[in-house]
Amino acid sequence: MKRRRVLQAGGVVIGSSFSGCGMFSAAENKYVVARVVDEEPPDEEITDYSNEHVQANEYARELVPEAVNGGGYAERRVSNGEANPIGDLPTGYIAYEDDVVRMLIRTLE
């Protein structure tokens, strides 16, 4: 697979799709981040973008293609009240075209 450069997300990453983290303060500014990664994830399964769980998740469905086609990074603010909006994804790594995209949650304090 072709890989693109790793882009570091600002802020603090506090959870990912496979971590099960689900408790966030409603006052936090929370974002779902999709970033293209160069390295193969160690001991992590990569899920294809066409997977039904990926397609059912609105953040993955929208942000993965945007990250791949738009410079390697995309993010979207999470509505207050959504505990872990990417918690239903099978893994935090999604294959799209010739790239692998990592899905993360970050907060701004």
N, C-alpha and C. Protein backbone atom coordinates (compact mmCIF):
# COMPACT_ATOMS: atom_id res chain seq x y z
N MET A 1 0.82 -1.20 0.00
CA MET A 1 0.00 0.00 0.00
C MET A 1 0.86 1.25 0.00
N LYS A 2 0.44 2.21 -0.76
CA LYS A 2 1.10 3.51 -0.74
C LYS A 2 0.77 4.20 0.57
N ARG A 3 1.71 4.92 1.12
CA ARG A 3 1.47 5.64 2.36
C ARG A 3 1.82 7.10 2.18
N ARG A 4 1.17 7.93 2.91
CA ARG A 4 1.47 9.36 2.94
C ARG A 4 2.11 9.70 4.27
N ARG A 5 2.61 10.90 4.39
CA ARG A 5 3.29 11.31 5.61
C ARG A 5 2.33 11.35 6.80
N VAL A 6 2.87 11.17 7.97
CA VAL A 6 2.08 11.22 9.20
C VAL A 6 1.88 12.68 9.56
N LEU A 7 0.67 13.05 9.84
CA LEU A 7 0.36 14.40 10.28
C LEU A 7 -0.06 14.33 11.73
N GLN A 8 0.61 15.08 12.58
CA GLN A 8 0.30 15.06 14.00
C GLN A 8 -0.86 15.99 14.29
N ALA A 9 -1.82 15.51 15.03
CA ALA A 9 -2.96 16.33 15.43
C ALA A 9 -2.59 17.14 16.65
N GLY A 10 -3.03 18.39 16.68
CA GLY A 10 -2.82 19.21 17.86
C GLY A 10 -3.77 18.79 18.96
N GLY A 11 -3.52 19.22 20.17
CA GLY A 11 -4.39 18.88 21.29
C GLY A 11 -3.98 17.55 21.89
N VAL A 12 -4.80 17.06 22.76
CA VAL A 12 -4.51 15.82 23.47
C VAL A 12 -5.46 14.75 22.98
N VAL A 13 -4.92 13.65 22.53
CA VAL A 13 -5.75 12.53 22.12
C VAL A 13 -6.13 11.76 23.37
N ILE A 14 -7.43 11.63 23.60
CA ILE A 14 -7.84 10.97 24.83
C ILE A 14 -8.58 9.67 24.59
N GLY A 15 -8.83 9.33 23.36
CA GLY A 15 -9.51 8.08 23.10
C GLY A 15 -9.39 7.72 21.64
N SER A 16 -9.72 6.51 21.30
CA SER A 16 -9.74 6.09 19.92
C SER A 16 -10.88 5.11 19.75
N SER A 17 -11.09 4.71 18.53
CA SER A 17 -12.26 3.89 18.25
C SER A 17 -12.24 2.55 18.98
N PHE A 18 -11.07 2.06 19.33
CA PHE A 18 -11.01 0.74 19.95
C PHE A 18 -10.75 0.81 21.44
N SER A 19 -10.68 2.01 22.01
CA SER A 19 -10.32 2.13 23.42
C SER A 19 -11.49 1.95 24.36
N GLY A 20 -12.69 2.23 23.88
CA GLY A 20 -13.85 2.12 24.75
C GLY A 20 -14.03 3.32 25.66
N CYS A 21 -13.21 4.35 25.49
CA CYS A 21 -13.38 5.55 26.31
C CYS A 21 -14.72 6.17 25.95
N GLY A 22 -15.52 6.46 26.94
CA GLY A 22 -16.82 6.98 26.62
C GLY A 22 -17.29 8.11 27.49
N MET A 23 -16.54 8.54 28.46
CA MET A 23 -17.01 9.58 29.36
C MET A 23 -16.26 10.88 29.09
N PHE A 24 -16.99 11.87 28.62
CA PHE A 24 -16.42 13.17 28.34
C PHE A 24 -17.28 14.23 28.99
N SER A 25 -16.67 15.30 29.40
CA SER A 25 -17.42 16.43 29.95
C SER A 25 -18.16 17.14 28.82
N ALA A 26 -19.37 17.53 29.06
CA ALA A 26 -20.16 18.22 28.05
C ALA A 26 -19.57 19.58 27.71
N ALA A 27 -18.74 20.14 28.59
CA ALA A 27 -18.16 21.45 28.36
C ALA A 27 -16.90 21.40 27.50
N GLU A 28 -16.36 20.22 27.24
CA GLU A 28 -15.14 20.11 26.46
C GLU A 28 -15.43 20.34 24.98
N ASN A 29 -14.44 20.89 24.29
CA ASN A 29 -14.50 20.97 22.84
C ASN A 29 -13.87 19.68 22.32
N LYS A 30 -14.69 18.82 21.77
CA LYS A 30 -14.27 17.48 21.37
C LYS A 30 -14.34 17.37 19.85
N TYR A 31 -13.34 16.74 19.24
CA TYR A 31 -13.26 16.60 17.79
C TYR A 31 -12.95 15.16 17.42
N VAL A 32 -13.52 14.70 16.30
CA VAL A 32 -13.10 13.45 15.70
C VAL A 32 -12.09 13.83 14.63
N VAL A 33 -10.94 13.15 14.67
CA VAL A 33 -9.84 13.43 13.77
C VAL A 33 -9.58 12.21 12.90
N ALA A 34 -9.38 12.44 11.61
CA ALA A 34 -8.95 11.39 10.69
C ALA A 34 -7.63 11.85 10.10
N ARG A 35 -6.59 11.01 10.23
CA ARG A 35 -5.30 11.38 9.65
C ARG A 35 -4.68 10.18 8.96
N VAL A 36 -4.08 10.44 7.81
CA VAL A 36 -3.41 9.40 7.05
C VAL A 36 -2.10 9.07 7.76
N VAL A 37 -1.79 7.78 7.87
CA VAL A 37 -0.57 7.35 8.55
C VAL A 37 0.35 6.63 7.57
N ASP A 38 1.65 6.75 7.83
CA ASP A 38 2.66 6.07 7.02
C ASP A 38 2.90 4.63 7.47
N GLU A 39 2.96 4.47 8.76
CA GLU A 39 3.38 3.18 9.30
C GLU A 39 2.21 2.20 9.39
N GLU A 40 2.54 0.92 9.29
CA GLU A 40 1.54 -0.11 9.55
C GLU A 40 1.26 -0.09 11.04
N PRO A 41 0.02 -0.10 11.44
CA PRO A 41 -0.28 -0.10 12.87
C PRO A 41 0.14 -1.43 13.50
N PRO A 42 0.90 -1.38 14.59
CA PRO A 42 1.33 -2.63 15.22
C PRO A 42 0.16 -3.33 15.90
N ASP A 43 0.00 -4.58 15.60
CA ASP A 43 -1.02 -5.41 16.25
C ASP A 43 -2.43 -4.86 16.14
N GLU A 44 -2.70 -4.10 15.12
CA GLU A 44 -4.05 -3.56 14.94
C GLU A 44 -4.61 -4.03 13.61
N GLU A 45 -5.85 -4.37 13.60
CA GLU A 45 -6.52 -4.76 12.38
C GLU A 45 -6.91 -3.50 11.60
N ILE A 46 -6.75 -3.56 10.30
CA ILE A 46 -7.16 -2.45 9.44
C ILE A 46 -8.49 -2.84 8.80
N THR A 47 -9.48 -1.99 8.94
CA THR A 47 -10.81 -2.24 8.40
C THR A 47 -10.98 -1.51 7.09
N ASP A 48 -11.57 -2.17 6.11
CA ASP A 48 -11.79 -1.53 4.82
C ASP A 48 -12.91 -0.51 4.92
N TYR A 49 -12.78 0.57 4.19
CA TYR A 49 -13.75 1.66 4.19
C TYR A 49 -15.16 1.18 3.83
N SER A 50 -15.26 0.13 3.04
CA SER A 50 -16.58 -0.37 2.63
C SER A 50 -17.28 -1.19 3.71
N ASN A 51 -16.59 -1.46 4.81
CA ASN A 51 -17.17 -2.22 5.91
C ASN A 51 -18.46 -1.55 6.39
N GLU A 52 -19.47 -2.33 6.69
CA GLU A 52 -20.77 -1.77 7.08
C GLU A 52 -20.70 -0.91 8.35
N HIS A 53 -19.80 -1.25 9.27
CA HIS A 53 -19.65 -0.44 10.49
C HIS A 53 -19.04 0.92 10.18
N VAL A 54 -18.10 0.94 9.24
CA VAL A 54 -17.49 2.21 8.83
C VAL A 54 -18.53 3.07 8.14
N GLN A 55 -19.29 2.49 7.23
CA GLN A 55 -20.29 3.24 6.49
C GLN A 55 -21.43 3.72 7.39
N ALA A 56 -21.71 3.01 8.46
CA ALA A 56 -22.77 3.41 9.38
C ALA A 56 -22.34 4.56 10.29
N ASN A 57 -21.03 4.79 10.42
CA ASN A 57 -20.54 5.85 11.28
C ASN A 57 -20.36 7.12 10.45
N GLU A 58 -21.14 8.15 10.74
CA GLU A 58 -21.12 9.36 9.92
C GLU A 58 -19.76 10.06 9.91
N TYR A 59 -19.04 10.00 11.02
CA TYR A 59 -17.73 10.65 11.09
C TYR A 59 -16.73 9.95 10.18
N ALA A 60 -16.67 8.62 10.26
CA ALA A 60 -15.75 7.86 9.41
C ALA A 60 -16.13 8.00 7.94
N ARG A 61 -17.41 7.90 7.66
CA ARG A 61 -17.89 7.98 6.28
C ARG A 61 -17.51 9.30 5.63
N GLU A 62 -17.55 10.40 6.38
CA GLU A 62 -17.25 11.72 5.83
C GLU A 62 -15.77 12.07 5.92
N LEU A 63 -15.13 11.78 7.06
CA LEU A 63 -13.77 12.26 7.29
C LEU A 63 -12.68 11.44 6.61
N VAL A 64 -12.87 10.13 6.44
CA VAL A 64 -11.83 9.31 5.84
C VAL A 64 -11.52 9.76 4.41
N PRO A 65 -12.52 9.89 3.53
CA PRO A 65 -12.20 10.36 2.17
C PRO A 65 -11.64 11.78 2.17
N GLU A 66 -12.14 12.62 3.06
CA GLU A 66 -11.65 13.99 3.15
C GLU A 66 -10.17 14.02 3.54
N ALA A 67 -9.77 13.17 4.47
CA ALA A 67 -8.36 13.12 4.88
C ALA A 67 -7.47 12.64 3.74
N VAL A 68 -7.89 11.61 3.04
CA VAL A 68 -7.09 11.05 1.95
C VAL A 68 -6.99 12.03 0.78
N ASN A 69 -8.09 12.65 0.45
CA ASN A 69 -8.11 13.53 -0.73
C ASN A 69 -7.77 14.98 -0.43
N GLY A 70 -7.65 15.33 0.86
CA GLY A 70 -7.46 16.72 1.21
C GLY A 70 -6.20 17.02 1.99
N GLY A 71 -5.12 16.29 1.75
CA GLY A 71 -3.86 16.63 2.39
C GLY A 71 -3.49 15.79 3.60
N GLY A 72 -4.24 14.76 3.90
CA GLY A 72 -3.83 13.85 4.96
C GLY A 72 -4.48 14.06 6.31
N TYR A 73 -5.36 15.06 6.45
CA TYR A 73 -5.93 15.36 7.76
C TYR A 73 -7.33 15.96 7.59
N ALA A 74 -8.23 15.54 8.44
CA ALA A 74 -9.57 16.12 8.48
C ALA A 74 -10.09 15.99 9.90
N GLU A 75 -10.93 16.94 10.31
CA GLU A 75 -11.53 16.85 11.64
C GLU A 75 -12.92 17.47 11.62
N ARG A 76 -13.71 17.05 12.59
CA ARG A 76 -15.06 17.59 12.73
C ARG A 76 -15.40 17.66 14.21
N ARG A 77 -16.00 18.77 14.60
CA ARG A 77 -16.41 18.95 16.00
C ARG A 77 -17.56 18.01 16.32
N VAL A 78 -17.53 17.49 17.52
CA VAL A 78 -18.55 16.55 17.99
C VAL A 78 -19.61 17.33 18.75
N SER A 79 -20.85 17.01 18.50
CA SER A 79 -21.94 17.64 19.23
C SER A 79 -21.86 17.28 20.70
N ASN A 80 -22.21 18.22 21.56
CA ASN A 80 -22.25 17.93 23.00
C ASN A 80 -23.22 16.78 23.24
N GLY A 81 -22.84 15.92 24.15
CA GLY A 81 -23.70 14.80 24.50
C GLY A 81 -23.30 13.50 23.84
N GLU A 82 -22.49 13.53 22.78
CA GLU A 82 -22.04 12.30 22.15
C GLU A 82 -20.83 11.78 22.93
N ALA A 83 -20.99 10.67 23.60
CA ALA A 83 -19.93 10.15 24.47
C ALA A 83 -18.70 9.71 23.68
N ASN A 84 -18.85 8.80 22.76
CA ASN A 84 -17.74 8.33 21.93
C ASN A 84 -18.29 8.09 20.52
N PRO A 85 -18.26 9.10 19.68
CA PRO A 85 -18.92 9.00 18.38
C PRO A 85 -18.26 8.05 17.40
N ILE A 86 -17.07 7.55 17.71
CA ILE A 86 -16.45 6.56 16.83
C ILE A 86 -16.25 5.23 17.55
N GLY A 87 -16.90 5.07 18.69
CA GLY A 87 -16.77 3.85 19.48
C GLY A 87 -17.36 2.61 18.84
N ASP A 88 -18.17 2.78 17.81
CA ASP A 88 -18.77 1.63 17.14
C ASP A 88 -17.92 1.11 15.98
N LEU A 89 -16.78 1.77 15.71
CA LEU A 89 -15.90 1.28 14.64
C LEU A 89 -15.14 0.05 15.12
N PRO A 90 -14.90 -0.91 14.23
CA PRO A 90 -14.21 -2.14 14.64
C PRO A 90 -12.76 -1.90 15.07
N THR A 91 -12.08 -0.95 14.45
CA THR A 91 -10.71 -0.57 14.81
C THR A 91 -10.54 0.92 14.58
N GLY A 92 -9.40 1.45 14.96
CA GLY A 92 -9.10 2.85 14.72
C GLY A 92 -8.43 3.10 13.39
N TYR A 93 -8.17 2.04 12.59
CA TYR A 93 -7.47 2.17 11.32
C TYR A 93 -8.37 1.73 10.18
N ILE A 94 -8.51 2.59 9.17
CA ILE A 94 -9.41 2.32 8.06
C ILE A 94 -8.64 2.45 6.74
N ALA A 95 -8.72 1.41 5.91
CA ALA A 95 -8.09 1.43 4.59
C ALA A 95 -9.03 2.11 3.61
N TYR A 96 -8.48 3.09 2.88
CA TYR A 96 -9.25 3.80 1.86
C TYR A 96 -8.34 4.02 0.67
N GLU A 97 -8.75 3.51 -0.50
CA GLU A 97 -7.91 3.54 -1.68
C GLU A 97 -6.56 2.91 -1.33
N ASP A 98 -5.45 3.64 -1.47
CA ASP A 98 -4.14 3.07 -1.16
C ASP A 98 -3.57 3.58 0.16
N ASP A 99 -4.40 4.13 1.01
CA ASP A 99 -3.93 4.72 2.26
C ASP A 99 -4.60 4.08 3.46
N VAL A 100 -3.98 4.30 4.62
CA VAL A 100 -4.58 3.90 5.90
C VAL A 100 -4.81 5.17 6.70
N VAL A 101 -6.02 5.31 7.22
CA VAL A 101 -6.42 6.49 7.99
C VAL A 101 -6.68 6.06 9.42
N ARG A 102 -6.14 6.82 10.36
CA ARG A 102 -6.39 6.55 11.77
C ARG A 102 -7.47 7.49 12.28
N MET A 103 -8.45 6.96 12.97
CA MET A 103 -9.53 7.74 13.57
C MET A 103 -9.23 7.93 15.04
N LEU A 104 -9.31 9.17 15.51
CA LEU A 104 -9.03 9.51 16.90
C LEU A 104 -10.06 10.50 17.42
N ILE A 105 -10.10 10.64 18.73
CA ILE A 105 -10.87 11.70 19.36
C ILE A 105 -9.87 12.59 20.09
N ARG A 106 -10.03 13.90 19.96
CA ARG A 106 -9.16 14.81 20.70
C ARG A 106 -10.01 15.88 21.35
N THR A 107 -9.49 16.46 22.41
CA THR A 107 -10.20 17.54 23.09
C THR A 107 -9.29 18.75 23.17
N LEU A 108 -9.91 19.91 23.20
CA LEU A 108 -9.21 21.16 23.43
C LEU A 108 -9.65 21.65 24.80
N GLU A 109 -8.70 21.96 25.63
CA GLU A 109 -9.05 22.42 26.98
C GLU A 109 -9.07 23.92 27.04
